[in-house]
C-alpha atoms as a PDB file:
ATOM      1  CA  MET A   1     335.874 152.040  88.381  1.00  0.00           C
ATOM      2  CA  ASN A   2     332.547 153.710  89.168  1.00  0.00           C
ATOM      3  CA  ILE A   3     329.938 151.258  90.400  1.00  0.00           C
ATOM      4  CA  ILE A   4     326.276 152.270  90.468  1.00  0.00           C
ATOM      5  CA  LYS A   5     324.516 150.872  93.456  1.00  0.00           C
ATOM      6  CA  PRO A   6     321.270 148.935  92.759  1.00  0.00           C
ATOM      7  CA  LYS A   7     319.086 151.638  94.313  1.00  0.00           C
ATOM      8  CA  LEU A   8     320.685 154.348  92.212  1.00  0.00           C
ATOM      9  CA  LEU A   9     320.336 152.185  89.108  1.00  0.00           C
ATOM     10  CA  SER A  10     316.619 151.746  89.820  1.00  0.00           C
ATOM     11  CA  LEU A  11     316.193 155.482  90.205  1.00  0.00           C
ATOM     12  CA  SER A  12     318.076 156.079  86.980  1.00  0.00           C
ATOM     13  CA  LEU A  13     315.813 153.657  85.122  1.00  0.00           C
ATOM     14  CA  PHE A  14     312.727 155.261  86.707  1.00  0.00           C
ATOM     15  CA  PHE A  15     313.660 158.725  85.450  1.00  0.00           C
ATOM     16  CA  LEU A  16     314.613 157.370  82.034  1.00  0.00           C
ATOM     17  CA  ILE A  17     311.251 155.619  81.649  1.00  0.00           C
ATOM     18  CA  SER A  18     309.377 158.664  82.958  1.00  0.00           C
ATOM     19  CA  PHE A  19     311.163 160.920  80.486  1.00  0.00           C
ATOM     20  CA  SER A  20     310.405 158.551  77.607  1.00  0.00           C
ATOM     21  CA  CYS A  21     306.716 158.371  78.519  1.00  0.00           C
ATOM     22  CA  ASN A  22     306.460 162.150  78.786  1.00  0.00           C
ATOM     23  CA  GLU A  23     308.267 162.558  75.501  1.00  0.00           C
ATOM     24  CA  PHE A  24     305.885 160.344  73.555  1.00  0.00           C
ATOM     25  CA  SER A  25     302.599 160.989  75.374  1.00  0.00           C
ATOM     26  CA  PRO A  26     301.615 163.999  73.210  1.00  0.00           C
ATOM     27  CA  LEU A  27     301.830 161.764  70.133  1.00  0.00           C
ATOM     28  CA  SER A  28     299.604 159.168  71.776  1.00  0.00           C
ATOM     29  CA  GLN A  29     297.123 161.842  72.759  1.00  0.00           C
ATOM     30  CA  GLU A  30     297.087 163.169  69.194  1.00  0.00           C
ATOM     31  CA  LYS A  31     296.438 159.707  67.743  1.00  0.00           C
ATOM     32  CA  ASN A  32     293.572 159.096  70.176  1.00  0.00           C
ATOM     33  CA  GLU A  33     292.145 162.577  69.803  1.00  0.00           C
ATOM     34  CA  SER A  34     288.348 162.743  69.502  1.00  0.00           C
ATOM     35  CA  ILE A  35     286.893 165.406  67.234  1.00  0.00           C
ATOM     36  CA  GLN A  36     283.276 166.545  67.223  1.00  0.00           C
ATOM     37  CA  LEU A  37     282.836 167.063  63.485  1.00  0.00           C
ATOM     38  CA  PHE A  38     279.359 168.613  63.800  1.00  0.00           C
ATOM     39  CA  ASN A  39     278.834 171.265  66.477  1.00  0.00           C
ATOM     40  CA  GLY A  40     275.024 171.186  66.439  1.00  0.00           C
ATOM     41  CA  ILE A  41     274.873 174.912  65.630  1.00  0.00           C
ATOM     42  CA  ASP A  42     276.117 175.529  62.094  1.00  0.00           C
ATOM     43  CA  LEU A  43     278.159 173.985  59.270  1.00  0.00           C
ATOM     44  CA  SER A  44     281.566 175.156  60.491  1.00  0.00           C
ATOM     45  CA  GLY A  45     284.284 172.821  59.219  1.00  0.00           C
ATOM     46  CA  TRP A  46     282.154 171.551  56.334  1.00  0.00           C
ATOM     47  CA  ILE A  47     281.931 172.385  52.601  1.00  0.00           C
ATOM     48  CA  ILE A  48     278.729 172.103  50.538  1.00  0.00           C
ATOM     49  CA  HIS A  49     279.022 170.602  47.044  1.00  0.00           C
ATOM     50  CA  GLY A  50     276.043 170.942  44.711  1.00  0.00           C
ATOM     51  CA  THR A  51     272.626 172.556  44.963  1.00  0.00           C
ATOM     52  CA  GLU A  52     271.027 170.186  47.478  1.00  0.00           C
ATOM     53  CA  LYS A  53     270.017 171.548  50.891  1.00  0.00           C
ATOM     54  CA  TRP A  54     272.159 171.156  54.020  1.00  0.00           C
ATOM     55  CA  TYR A  55     271.087 172.971  57.181  1.00  0.00           C
ATOM     56  CA  VAL A  56     270.860 172.721  60.957  1.00  0.00           C
ATOM     57  CA  GLU A  57     267.524 172.259  62.729  1.00  0.00           C
ATOM     58  CA  ASN A  58     267.012 171.578  66.445  1.00  0.00           C
ATOM     59  CA  GLY A  59     270.691 170.704  66.846  1.00  0.00           C
ATOM     60  CA  GLU A  60     270.547 168.165  64.003  1.00  0.00           C
ATOM     61  CA  LEU A  61     272.153 168.259  60.575  1.00  0.00           C
ATOM     62  CA  VAL A  62     269.555 167.855  57.827  1.00  0.00           C
ATOM     63  CA  CYS A  63     269.956 167.120  54.117  1.00  0.00           C
ATOM     64  CA  GLU A  64     267.170 167.136  51.572  1.00  0.00           C
ATOM     65  CA  ASN A  65     266.695 167.537  47.840  1.00  0.00           C
ATOM     66  CA  GLY A  66     267.211 170.961  46.340  1.00  0.00           C
ATOM     67  CA  PRO A  67     265.932 172.523  43.115  1.00  0.00           C
ATOM     68  CA  ASP A  68     267.915 170.175  40.854  1.00  0.00           C
ATOM     69  CA  SER A  69     267.222 166.907  42.750  1.00  0.00           C
ATOM     70  CA  GLN A  70     270.772 165.777  41.969  1.00  0.00           C
ATOM     71  CA  TYR A  71     273.574 164.239  44.012  1.00  0.00           C
ATOM     72  CA  GLY A  72     274.886 166.506  46.745  1.00  0.00           C
ATOM     73  CA  TYR A  73     277.710 166.259  49.273  1.00  0.00           C
ATOM     74  CA  LEU A  74     278.826 167.864  52.497  1.00  0.00           C
ATOM     75  CA  SER A  75     282.532 167.259  53.054  1.00  0.00           C
ATOM     76  CA  THR A  76     284.895 168.027  55.899  1.00  0.00           C
ATOM     77  CA  SER A  77     287.398 170.768  55.184  1.00  0.00           C
ATOM     78  CA  GLU A  78     290.105 168.539  56.694  1.00  0.00           C
ATOM     79  CA  TYR A  79     291.443 165.215  55.444  1.00  0.00           C
ATOM     80  CA  TYR A  80     291.390 162.175  57.741  1.00  0.00           C
ATOM     81  CA  ASP A  81     293.339 158.954  57.183  1.00  0.00           C
ATOM     82  CA  ASP A  82     292.982 156.430  60.031  1.00  0.00           C
ATOM     83  CA  PHE A  83     289.985 156.852  62.314  1.00  0.00           C
ATOM     84  CA  MET A  84     286.951 155.463  64.081  1.00  0.00           C
ATOM     85  CA  LEU A  85     283.864 157.449  63.101  1.00  0.00           C
ATOM     86  CA  THR A  86     280.544 157.207  64.913  1.00  0.00           C
ATOM     87  CA  LEU A  87     277.359 158.998  63.923  1.00  0.00           C
ATOM     88  CA  GLU A  88     273.610 158.718  64.188  1.00  0.00           C
ATOM     89  CA  PHE A  89     271.253 159.045  61.238  1.00  0.00           C
ATOM     90  CA  LYS A  90     267.497 158.987  60.747  1.00  0.00           C
ATOM     91  CA  GLN A  91     265.983 158.388  57.318  1.00  0.00           C
ATOM     92  CA  GLU A  92     263.053 160.741  57.499  1.00  0.00           C
ATOM     93  CA  SER A  93     262.074 160.201  53.869  1.00  0.00           C
ATOM     94  CA  ASN A  94     263.487 157.777  51.269  1.00  0.00           C
ATOM     95  CA  GLY A  95     266.824 157.778  53.099  1.00  0.00           C
ATOM     96  CA  ASN A  96     269.199 157.024  50.222  1.00  0.00           C
ATOM     97  CA  SER A  97     272.474 158.493  51.415  1.00  0.00           C
ATOM     98  CA  GLY A  98     275.979 157.518  52.473  1.00  0.00           C
ATOM     99  CA  VAL A  99     279.200 158.356  54.297  1.00  0.00           C
ATOM    100  CA  PHE A 100     282.311 158.734  52.121  1.00  0.00           C
ATOM    101  CA  PHE A 101     285.867 158.435  53.438  1.00  0.00           C
ATOM    102  CA  ARG A 102     289.294 159.271  51.985  1.00  0.00           C
ATOM    103  CA  SER A 103     287.429 161.054  49.219  1.00  0.00           C
ATOM    104  CA  THR A 104     288.035 164.094  47.000  1.00  0.00           C
ATOM    105  CA  LEU A 105     285.484 166.160  45.094  1.00  0.00           C
ATOM    106  CA  ASP A 106     285.416 168.181  41.896  1.00  0.00           C
ATOM    107  CA  GLY A 107     282.010 169.826  41.960  1.00  0.00           C
ATOM    108  CA  VAL A 108     279.708 166.874  42.619  1.00  0.00           C
ATOM    109  CA  ILE A 109     282.060 164.312  41.052  1.00  0.00           C
ATOM    110  CA  ILE A 110     283.453 162.333  43.965  1.00  0.00           C
ATOM    111  CA  ASN A 111     286.364 159.919  43.986  1.00  0.00           C
ATOM    112  CA  GLY A 112     286.567 157.652  46.999  1.00  0.00           C
ATOM    113  CA  TRP A 113     284.649 155.072  48.968  1.00  0.00           C
ATOM    114  CA  GLN A 114     281.153 155.150  50.388  1.00  0.00           C
ATOM    115  CA  VAL A 115     279.638 153.381  53.355  1.00  0.00           C
ATOM    116  CA  GLU A 116     276.122 152.898  52.048  1.00  0.00           C
ATOM    117  CA  ILE A 117     273.094 154.246  53.906  1.00  0.00           C
ATOM    118  CA  ALA A 118     269.899 153.221  52.165  1.00  0.00           C
ATOM    119  CA  PRO A 119     266.320 152.026  52.646  1.00  0.00           C
ATOM    120  CA  PRO A 120     265.785 148.442  53.864  1.00  0.00           C
ATOM    121  CA  GLY A 121     267.204 145.761  51.599  1.00  0.00           C
ATOM    122  CA  PHE A 122     269.724 148.040  49.864  1.00  0.00           C
ATOM    123  CA  PHE A 123     272.920 147.115  51.722  1.00  0.00           C
ATOM    124  CA  THR A 124     273.351 149.741  54.444  1.00  0.00           C
ATOM    125  CA  GLY A 125     276.894 149.338  55.786  1.00  0.00           C
ATOM    126  CA  GLY A 126     278.352 148.011  52.515  1.00  0.00           C
ATOM    127  CA  ILE A 127     281.257 149.656  50.659  1.00  0.00           C
ATOM    128  CA  TYR A 128     280.801 151.211  47.216  1.00  0.00           C
ATOM    129  CA  GLU A 129     283.540 152.791  45.078  1.00  0.00           C
ATOM    130  CA  SER A 130     282.173 155.715  43.056  1.00  0.00           C
ATOM    131  CA  TYR A 131     283.357 156.134  39.465  1.00  0.00           C
ATOM    132  CA  GLY A 132     285.397 152.954  39.857  1.00  0.00           C
ATOM    133  CA  ARG A 133     284.841 149.329  40.784  1.00  0.00           C
ATOM    134  CA  GLU A 134     281.371 150.026  42.230  1.00  0.00           C
ATOM    135  CA  TRP A 135     280.348 147.510  44.935  1.00  0.00           C
ATOM    136  CA  LEU A 136     283.379 146.128  46.802  1.00  0.00           C
ATOM    137  CA  ILE A 137     281.423 144.314  49.497  1.00  0.00           C
ATOM    138  CA  LYS A 138     277.791 144.017  50.559  1.00  0.00           C
ATOM    139  CA  PRO A 139     276.590 142.974  54.006  1.00  0.00           C
ATOM    140  CA  ASN A 140     274.619 139.819  54.530  1.00  0.00           C
ATOM    141  CA  PRO A 141     270.923 140.810  54.297  1.00  0.00           C
ATOM    142  CA  LYS A 142     270.259 138.617  57.348  1.00  0.00           C
ATOM    143  CA  ASP A 143     272.444 140.955  59.445  1.00  0.00           C
ATOM    144  CA  GLU A 144     270.543 144.124  58.555  1.00  0.00           C
ATOM    145  CA  ASN A 145     269.014 145.694  61.637  1.00  0.00           C
ATOM    146  CA  LEU A 146     268.007 149.088  60.289  1.00  0.00           C
ATOM    147  CA  ASN A 147     265.633 151.089  62.471  1.00  0.00           C
ATOM    148  CA  VAL A 148     263.224 152.409  59.842  1.00  0.00           C
ATOM    149  CA  GLY A 149     261.955 155.872  60.676  1.00  0.00           C
ATOM    150  CA  ASP A 150     264.075 156.048  63.844  1.00  0.00           C
ATOM    151  CA  TRP A 151     267.662 156.831  64.804  1.00  0.00           C
ATOM    152  CA  ASN A 152     270.449 154.423  63.832  1.00  0.00           C
ATOM    153  CA  LEU A 153     274.021 154.261  65.101  1.00  0.00           C
ATOM    154  CA  MET A 154     276.699 153.775  62.450  1.00  0.00           C
ATOM    155  CA  LYS A 155     280.319 153.037  63.332  1.00  0.00           C
ATOM    156  CA  ILE A 156     283.072 153.059  60.702  1.00  0.00           C
ATOM    157  CA  MET A 157     286.705 152.048  61.245  1.00  0.00           C
ATOM    158  CA  VAL A 158     289.291 152.903  58.590  1.00  0.00           C
ATOM    159  CA  LYS A 159     292.914 151.951  59.282  1.00  0.00           C
ATOM    160  CA  GLY A 160     295.480 151.441  56.552  1.00  0.00           C
ATOM    161  CA  ASP A 161     293.869 149.147  53.980  1.00  0.00           C
ATOM    162  CA  GLN A 162     291.243 147.848  56.407  1.00  0.00           C
ATOM    163  CA  VAL A 163     287.626 148.953  56.745  1.00  0.00           C
ATOM    164  CA  LYS A 164     284.959 147.708  59.150  1.00  0.00           C
ATOM    165  CA  THR A 165     281.403 148.934  59.641  1.00  0.00           C
ATOM    166  CA  TRP A 166     278.776 148.356  62.328  1.00  0.00           C
ATOM    167  CA  LEU A 167     275.070 149.211  62.320  1.00  0.00           C
ATOM    168  CA  ASN A 168     273.368 149.462  65.695  1.00  0.00           C
ATOM    169  CA  GLY A 169     276.115 147.372  67.271  1.00  0.00           C
ATOM    170  CA  VAL A 170     276.108 144.595  64.647  1.00  0.00           C
ATOM    171  CA  GLU A 171     279.138 144.186  62.370  1.00  0.00           C
ATOM    172  CA  MET A 172     278.111 144.657  58.740  1.00  0.00           C
ATOM    173  CA  ILE A 173     281.359 144.142  56.794  1.00  0.00           C
ATOM    174  CA  ARG A 174     285.128 143.870  57.076  1.00  0.00           C
ATOM    175  CA  LEU A 175     287.334 144.534  54.070  1.00  0.00           C
ATOM    176  CA  GLU A 176     291.024 144.749  53.136  1.00  0.00           C
ATOM    177  CA  ASP A 177     291.777 146.683  49.959  1.00  0.00           C
ATOM    178  CA  LYS A 178     295.110 148.002  48.636  1.00  0.00           C
ATOM    179  CA  LEU A 179     293.576 150.954  46.795  1.00  0.00           C
ATOM    180  CA  ILE A 180     291.781 152.109  49.927  1.00  0.00           C
ATOM    181  CA  GLY A 181     295.113 151.836  51.745  1.00  0.00           C
ATOM    182  CA  LYS A 182     296.585 154.397  49.338  1.00  0.00           C
ATOM    183  CA  GLY A 183     293.614 156.767  49.546  1.00  0.00           C
ATOM    184  CA  LYS A 184     293.721 160.302  50.929  1.00  0.00           C
ATOM    185  CA  GLY A 185     290.825 162.644  51.401  1.00  0.00           C
ATOM    186  CA  ALA A 186     287.911 163.988  53.358  1.00  0.00           C
ATOM    187  CA  ILE A 187     284.844 162.528  54.991  1.00  0.00           C
ATOM    188  CA  ALA A 188     281.673 163.424  53.113  1.00  0.00           C
ATOM    189  CA  LEU A 189     277.960 162.907  53.656  1.00  0.00           C
ATOM    190  CA  GLN A 190     275.891 162.235  50.548  1.00  0.00           C
ATOM    191  CA  ILE A 191     272.335 162.893  49.485  1.00  0.00           C
ATOM    192  CA  HIS A 192     271.217 160.732  46.571  1.00  0.00           C
ATOM    193  CA  GLU A 193     269.650 162.144  43.434  1.00  0.00           C
ATOM    194  CA  GLY A 194     265.881 161.919  43.133  1.00  0.00           C
ATOM    195  CA  ASP A 195     262.843 163.340  44.858  1.00  0.00           C
ATOM    196  CA  ASN A 196     261.763 163.347  48.465  1.00  0.00           C
ATOM    197  CA  VAL A 197     265.107 162.330  50.009  1.00  0.00           C
ATOM    198  CA  LYS A 198     265.561 163.621  53.554  1.00  0.00           C
ATOM    199  CA  VAL A 199     268.014 162.404  56.199  1.00  0.00           C
ATOM    200  CA  ARG A 200     268.908 163.735  59.643  1.00  0.00           C
ATOM    201  CA  TRP A 201     272.326 163.365  61.312  1.00  0.00           C
ATOM    202  CA  LYS A 202     273.706 163.986  64.791  1.00  0.00           C
ATOM    203  CA  ASN A 203     276.567 163.108  67.164  1.00  0.00           C
ATOM    204  CA  ILE A 204     279.204 162.899  64.416  1.00  0.00           C
ATOM    205  CA  VAL A 205     282.403 162.085  66.302  1.00  0.00           C
ATOM    206  CA  LEU A 206     285.776 161.024  64.895  1.00  0.00           C
ATOM    207  CA  GLN A 207     288.592 159.451  66.859  1.00  0.00           C
ATOM    208  CA  LYS A 208     292.000 159.406  65.208  1.00  0.00           C
ATOM    209  CA  LEU A 209     293.771 156.033  65.213  1.00  0.00           C
END
């Protein structure tokens, strides 16, 4: 009978654990990968939908009304399922906009879910389903801490059927929804129809979960 001495057994376990960690570490790194969605130079990795204006100025992404003053979208060319997204936005004028997730587009018809970005009192951080159930959840107006005319930090977590949003460090909503859990699609920035809408964006970073 071959008997493994305790020291040899410990070494065997050490190498087994080390091998297992090395084997699975690339997967962990991939899940926790951070992606700079906006490079501050051009619109690489993004697709424009509609006639509204999307351009880069002073390292910032800018959207404003175009000749038709209709809805417009700027979507990622890649799809993202589970993630933590952080970005900064400044509502330079009007400011009616939004961040869509797990969304698909046909022209300017969008199917998916929007984290609202709007002027004061219009539920920034809430979740709206376009061409569907409309408002799924609105934040408590008492929690709104929108920096009017200045930069705001938005954080969005989407994982399975769960969504959470934060505005300037304050939690706005948390939601569980089966339809969202089944959704697949891109991230898209919106400019609302109308006149004199202008929003600036920067530091758009996604971390896969």
